[in-house]
């Protein structure tokens, strides 16, 4: 299976959801990291920063 940008975003969302369920005190950090990673993945799909 080849992992593309369409696969990464849902995987990150699942990981973030589990972290929020297990450690609710990390909510702000998990959301911030999710938004940053999703934004970088989206920009990479447009501008191809990483091969």
PDB file of N, CA and C in Angstrom:
ATOM      1  N   UNK A   1       0.846  -1.184   0.000  1.00  0.00           N
ATOM      2  CA  UNK A   1       0.000   0.000   0.000  1.00  0.00           C
ATOM      3  C   UNK A   1       0.886   1.240   0.000  1.00  0.00           C
ATOM      4  N   UNK A   2       0.603   2.138  -0.891  1.00  0.00           N
ATOM      5  CA  UNK A   2       1.332   3.394  -0.969  1.00  0.00           C
ATOM      6  C   UNK A   2       0.571   4.432  -0.157  1.00  0.00           C
ATOM      7  N   UNK A   3       1.264   5.074   0.791  1.00  0.00           N
ATOM      8  CA  UNK A   3       0.634   6.076   1.648  1.00  0.00           C
ATOM      9  C   UNK A   3       0.717   7.429   0.953  1.00  0.00           C
ATOM     10  N   UNK A   4      -0.438   8.037   0.721  1.00  0.00           N
ATOM     11  CA  UNK A   4      -0.494   9.352   0.089  1.00  0.00           C
ATOM     12  C   UNK A   4      -1.099  10.358   1.069  1.00  0.00           C
ATOM     13  N   UNK A   5      -1.230  11.597   0.623  1.00  0.00           N
ATOM     14  CA  UNK A   5      -1.791  12.631   1.493  1.00  0.00           C
ATOM     15  C   UNK A   5      -3.229  12.315   1.872  1.00  0.00           C
ATOM     16  N   UNK A   6      -3.937  11.572   1.026  1.00  0.00           N
ATOM     17  CA  UNK A   6      -5.310  11.193   1.348  1.00  0.00           C
ATOM     18  C   UNK A   6      -5.354  10.202   2.501  1.00  0.00           C
ATOM     19  N   UNK A   7      -4.291   9.446   2.715  1.00  0.00           N
ATOM     20  CA  UNK A   7      -4.229   8.477   3.806  1.00  0.00           C
ATOM     21  C   UNK A   7      -3.727   9.093   5.108  1.00  0.00           C
ATOM     22  N   UNK A   8      -2.857  10.082   5.015  1.00  0.00           N
ATOM     23  CA  UNK A   8      -2.210  10.631   6.208  1.00  0.00           C
ATOM     24  C   UNK A   8      -3.190  11.391   7.090  1.00  0.00           C
ATOM     25  N   UNK A   9      -4.037  12.214   6.505  1.00  0.00           N
ATOM     26  CA  UNK A   9      -4.954  13.038   7.294  1.00  0.00           C
ATOM     27  C   UNK A   9      -5.899  12.206   8.170  1.00  0.00           C
ATOM     28  N   UNK A  10      -6.550  11.171   7.641  1.00  0.00           N
ATOM     29  CA  UNK A  10      -7.412  10.362   8.521  1.00  0.00           C
ATOM     30  C   UNK A  10      -6.635   9.619   9.605  1.00  0.00           C
ATOM     31  N   UNK A  11      -5.420   9.177   9.297  1.00  0.00           N
ATOM     32  CA  UNK A  11      -4.614   8.489  10.313  1.00  0.00           C
ATOM     33  C   UNK A  11      -4.244   9.440  11.441  1.00  0.00           C
ATOM     34  N   UNK A  12      -3.892  10.661  11.094  1.00  0.00           N
ATOM     35  CA  UNK A  12      -3.564  11.660  12.118  1.00  0.00           C
ATOM     36  C   UNK A  12      -4.791  11.966  12.963  1.00  0.00           C
ATOM     37  N   UNK A  13      -5.963  12.047  12.330  1.00  0.00           N
ATOM     38  CA  UNK A  13      -7.194  12.319  13.070  1.00  0.00           C
ATOM     39  C   UNK A  13      -7.499  11.197  14.063  1.00  0.00           C
ATOM     40  N   UNK A  14      -7.294   9.940  13.660  1.00  0.00           N
ATOM     41  CA  UNK A  14      -7.525   8.820  14.573  1.00  0.00           C
ATOM     42  C   UNK A  14      -6.568   8.857  15.762  1.00  0.00           C
ATOM     43  N   UNK A  15      -5.306   9.100  15.489  1.00  0.00           N
ATOM     44  CA  UNK A  15      -4.322   9.174  16.572  1.00  0.00           C
ATOM     45  C   UNK A  15      -4.665  10.313  17.522  1.00  0.00           C
ATOM     46  N   UNK A  16      -5.022  11.470  16.971  1.00  0.00           N
ATOM     47  CA  UNK A  16      -5.380  12.617  17.806  1.00  0.00           C
ATOM     48  C   UNK A  16      -6.616  12.309  18.647  1.00  0.00           C
ATOM     49  N   UNK A  17      -7.591  11.640  18.054  1.00  0.00           N
ATOM     50  CA  UNK A  17      -8.799  11.287  18.797  1.00  0.00           C
ATOM     51  C   UNK A  17      -8.508  10.350  19.956  1.00  0.00           C
ATOM     52  N   UNK A  18      -7.675   9.335  19.732  1.00  0.00           N
ATOM     53  CA  UNK A  18      -7.315   8.425  20.818  1.00  0.00           C
ATOM     54  C   UNK A  18      -6.538   9.138  21.916  1.00  0.00           C
ATOM     55  N   UNK A  19      -5.627  10.039  21.538  1.00  0.00           N
ATOM     56  CA  UNK A  19      -4.870  10.779  22.554  1.00  0.00           C
ATOM     57  C   UNK A  19      -5.789  11.647  23.397  1.00  0.00           C
ATOM     58  N   UNK A  20      -6.771  12.273  22.769  1.00  0.00           N
ATOM     59  CA  UNK A  20      -7.706  13.114  23.518  1.00  0.00           C
ATOM     60  C   UNK A  20      -8.549  12.259  24.465  1.00  0.00           C
ATOM     61  N   UNK A  21      -8.952  11.060  24.023  1.00  0.00           N
ATOM     62  CA  UNK A  21      -9.730  10.180  24.897  1.00  0.00           C
ATOM     63  C   UNK A  21      -8.915   9.714  26.094  1.00  0.00           C
ATOM     64  N   UNK A  22      -7.651   9.379  25.864  1.00  0.00           N
ATOM     65  CA  UNK A  22      -6.815   8.830  26.928  1.00  0.00           C
ATOM     66  C   UNK A  22      -6.329   9.931  27.870  1.00  0.00           C
ATOM     67  N   UNK A  23      -5.907  11.054  27.312  1.00  0.00           N
ATOM     68  CA  UNK A  23      -5.349  12.148  28.116  1.00  0.00           C
ATOM     69  C   UNK A  23      -6.046  13.463  27.766  1.00  0.00           C
ATOM     70  N   UNK A  24      -7.208  13.727  28.353  1.00  0.00           N
ATOM     71  CA  UNK A  24      -7.944  14.953  28.015  1.00  0.00           C
ATOM     72  C   UNK A  24      -7.185  16.237  28.327  1.00  0.00           C
ATOM     73  N   UNK A  25      -6.207  16.181  29.211  1.00  0.00           N
ATOM     74  CA  UNK A  25      -5.443  17.382  29.538  1.00  0.00           C
ATOM     75  C   UNK A  25      -4.550  17.819  28.371  1.00  0.00           C
ATOM     76  N   UNK A  26      -4.331  16.935  27.416  1.00  0.00           N
ATOM     77  CA  UNK A  26      -3.501  17.266  26.258  1.00  0.00           C
ATOM     78  C   UNK A  26      -4.307  17.842  25.097  1.00  0.00           C
ATOM     79  N   UNK A  27      -5.552  18.174  25.322  1.00  0.00           N
ATOM     80  CA  UNK A  27      -6.444  18.584  24.240  1.00  0.00           C
ATOM     81  C   UNK A  27      -5.862  19.725  23.404  1.00  0.00           C
ATOM     82  N   UNK A  28      -5.391  20.783  24.031  1.00  0.00           N
ATOM     83  CA  UNK A  28      -4.864  21.927  23.282  1.00  0.00           C
ATOM     84  C   UNK A  28      -3.664  21.539  22.440  1.00  0.00           C
ATOM     85  N   UNK A  29      -2.761  20.746  23.018  1.00  0.00           N
ATOM     86  CA  UNK A  29      -1.559  20.351  22.286  1.00  0.00           C
ATOM     87  C   UNK A  29      -1.890  19.419  21.126  1.00  0.00           C
ATOM     88  N   UNK A  30      -2.805  18.486  21.352  1.00  0.00           N
ATOM     89  CA  UNK A  30      -3.176  17.539  20.296  1.00  0.00           C
ATOM     90  C   UNK A  30      -3.832  18.276  19.134  1.00  0.00           C
ATOM     91  N   UNK A  31      -4.708  19.204  19.423  1.00  0.00           N
ATOM     92  CA  UNK A  31      -5.379  19.960  18.361  1.00  0.00           C
ATOM     93  C   UNK A  31      -4.375  20.828  17.613  1.00  0.00           C
ATOM     94  N   UNK A  32      -3.479  21.470  18.341  1.00  0.00           N
ATOM     95  CA  UNK A  32      -2.473  22.309  17.695  1.00  0.00           C
ATOM     96  C   UNK A  32      -1.583  21.476  16.776  1.00  0.00           C
ATOM     97  N   UNK A  33      -1.113  20.330  17.261  1.00  0.00           N
ATOM     98  CA  UNK A  33      -0.275  19.478  16.421  1.00  0.00           C
ATOM     99  C   UNK A  33      -1.037  18.952  15.214  1.00  0.00           C
ATOM    100  N   UNK A  34      -2.288  18.582  15.427  1.00  0.00           N
ATOM    101  CA  UNK A  34      -3.112  18.098  14.310  1.00  0.00           C
ATOM    102  C   UNK A  34      -3.247  19.170  13.230  1.00  0.00           C
ATOM    103  N   UNK A  35      -3.537  20.389  13.635  1.00  0.00           N
ATOM    104  CA  UNK A  35      -3.701  21.468  12.664  1.00  0.00           C
ATOM    105  C   UNK A  35      -2.396  21.768  11.930  1.00  0.00           C
ATOM    106  N   UNK A  36      -1.283  21.764  12.643  1.00  0.00           N
ATOM    107  CA  UNK A  36       0.006  22.028  12.015  1.00  0.00           C
ATOM    108  C   UNK A  36       0.351  20.929  11.013  1.00  0.00           C
ATOM    109  N   UNK A  37       0.202  19.668  11.418  1.00  0.00           N
ATOM    110  CA  UNK A  37       0.545  18.557  10.526  1.00  0.00           C
ATOM    111  C   UNK A  37      -0.388  18.515   9.320  1.00  0.00           C
ATOM    112  N   UNK A  38      -1.674  18.723   9.539  1.00  0.00           N
ATOM    113  CA  UNK A  38      -2.623  18.724   8.431  1.00  0.00           C
ATOM    114  C   UNK A  38      -2.327  19.862   7.458  1.00  0.00           C
ATOM    115  N   UNK A  39      -1.978  21.011   7.988  1.00  0.00           N
ATOM    116  CA  UNK A  39      -1.612  22.137   7.127  1.00  0.00           C
ATOM    117  C   UNK A  39      -0.360  21.856   6.314  1.00  0.00           C
ATOM    118  N   UNK A  40       0.643  21.253   6.933  1.00  0.00           N
ATOM    119  CA  UNK A  40       1.869  20.928   6.206  1.00  0.00           C
ATOM    120  C   UNK A  40       1.616  19.871   5.134  1.00  0.00           C
ATOM    121  N   UNK A  41       0.794  18.883   5.455  1.00  0.00           N
ATOM    122  CA  UNK A  41       0.465  17.849   4.466  1.00  0.00           C
ATOM    123  C   UNK A  41      -0.287  18.478   3.290  1.00  0.00           C
ATOM    124  N   UNK A  42      -1.216  19.369   3.580  1.00  0.00           N
ATOM    125  CA  UNK A  42      -1.970  20.033   2.515  1.00  0.00           C
ATOM    126  C   UNK A  42      -1.089  20.910   1.640  1.00  0.00           C
ATOM    127  N   UNK A  43      -0.188  21.654   2.268  1.00  0.00           N
ATOM    128  CA  UNK A  43       0.726  22.486   1.490  1.00  0.00           C
ATOM    129  C   UNK A  43       1.692  21.639   0.678  1.00  0.00           C
ATOM    130  N   UNK A  44       2.118  20.508   1.239  1.00  0.00           N
ATOM    131  CA  UNK A  44       3.013  19.621   0.510  1.00  0.00           C
ATOM    132  C   UNK A  44       2.317  19.061  -0.733  1.00  0.00           C
ATOM    133  N   UNK A  45       1.024  18.807  -0.644  1.00  0.00           N
ATOM    134  CA  UNK A  45       0.287  18.311  -1.799  1.00  0.00           C
ATOM    135  C   UNK A  45       0.251  19.350  -2.915  1.00  0.00           C
ATOM    136  N   UNK A  46       0.278  20.624  -2.538  1.00  0.00           N
ATOM    137  CA  UNK A  46       0.218  21.698  -3.539  1.00  0.00           C
ATOM    138  C   UNK A  46       1.612  22.041  -4.064  1.00  0.00           C
ATOM    139  N   UNK A  47       2.563  22.273  -3.147  1.00  0.00           N
ATOM    140  CA  UNK A  47       3.872  22.801  -3.520  1.00  0.00           C
ATOM    141  C   UNK A  47       4.973  21.736  -3.579  1.00  0.00           C
ATOM    142  N   UNK A  48       4.701  20.498  -3.159  1.00  0.00           N
ATOM    143  CA  UNK A  48       5.646  19.384  -3.238  1.00  0.00           C
ATOM    144  C   UNK A  48       6.979  19.704  -2.562  1.00  0.00           C
ATOM    145  N   UNK A  49       6.927  20.047  -1.266  1.00  0.00           N
ATOM    146  CA  UNK A  49       8.134  20.311  -0.503  1.00  0.00           C
ATOM    147  C   UNK A  49       8.977  19.039  -0.361  1.00  0.00           C
ATOM    148  N   UNK A  50       8.302  17.932  -0.082  1.00  0.00           N
ATOM    149  CA  UNK A  50       8.983  16.650   0.115  1.00  0.00           C
ATOM    150  C   UNK A  50       8.607  15.736  -1.033  1.00  0.00           C
ATOM    151  N   UNK A  51       9.623  15.163  -1.680  1.00  0.00           N
ATOM    152  CA  UNK A  51       9.516  14.298  -2.848  1.00  0.00           C
ATOM    153  C   UNK A  51       8.264  13.577  -2.946  1.00  0.00           C
TER     154      UNK A  51
END
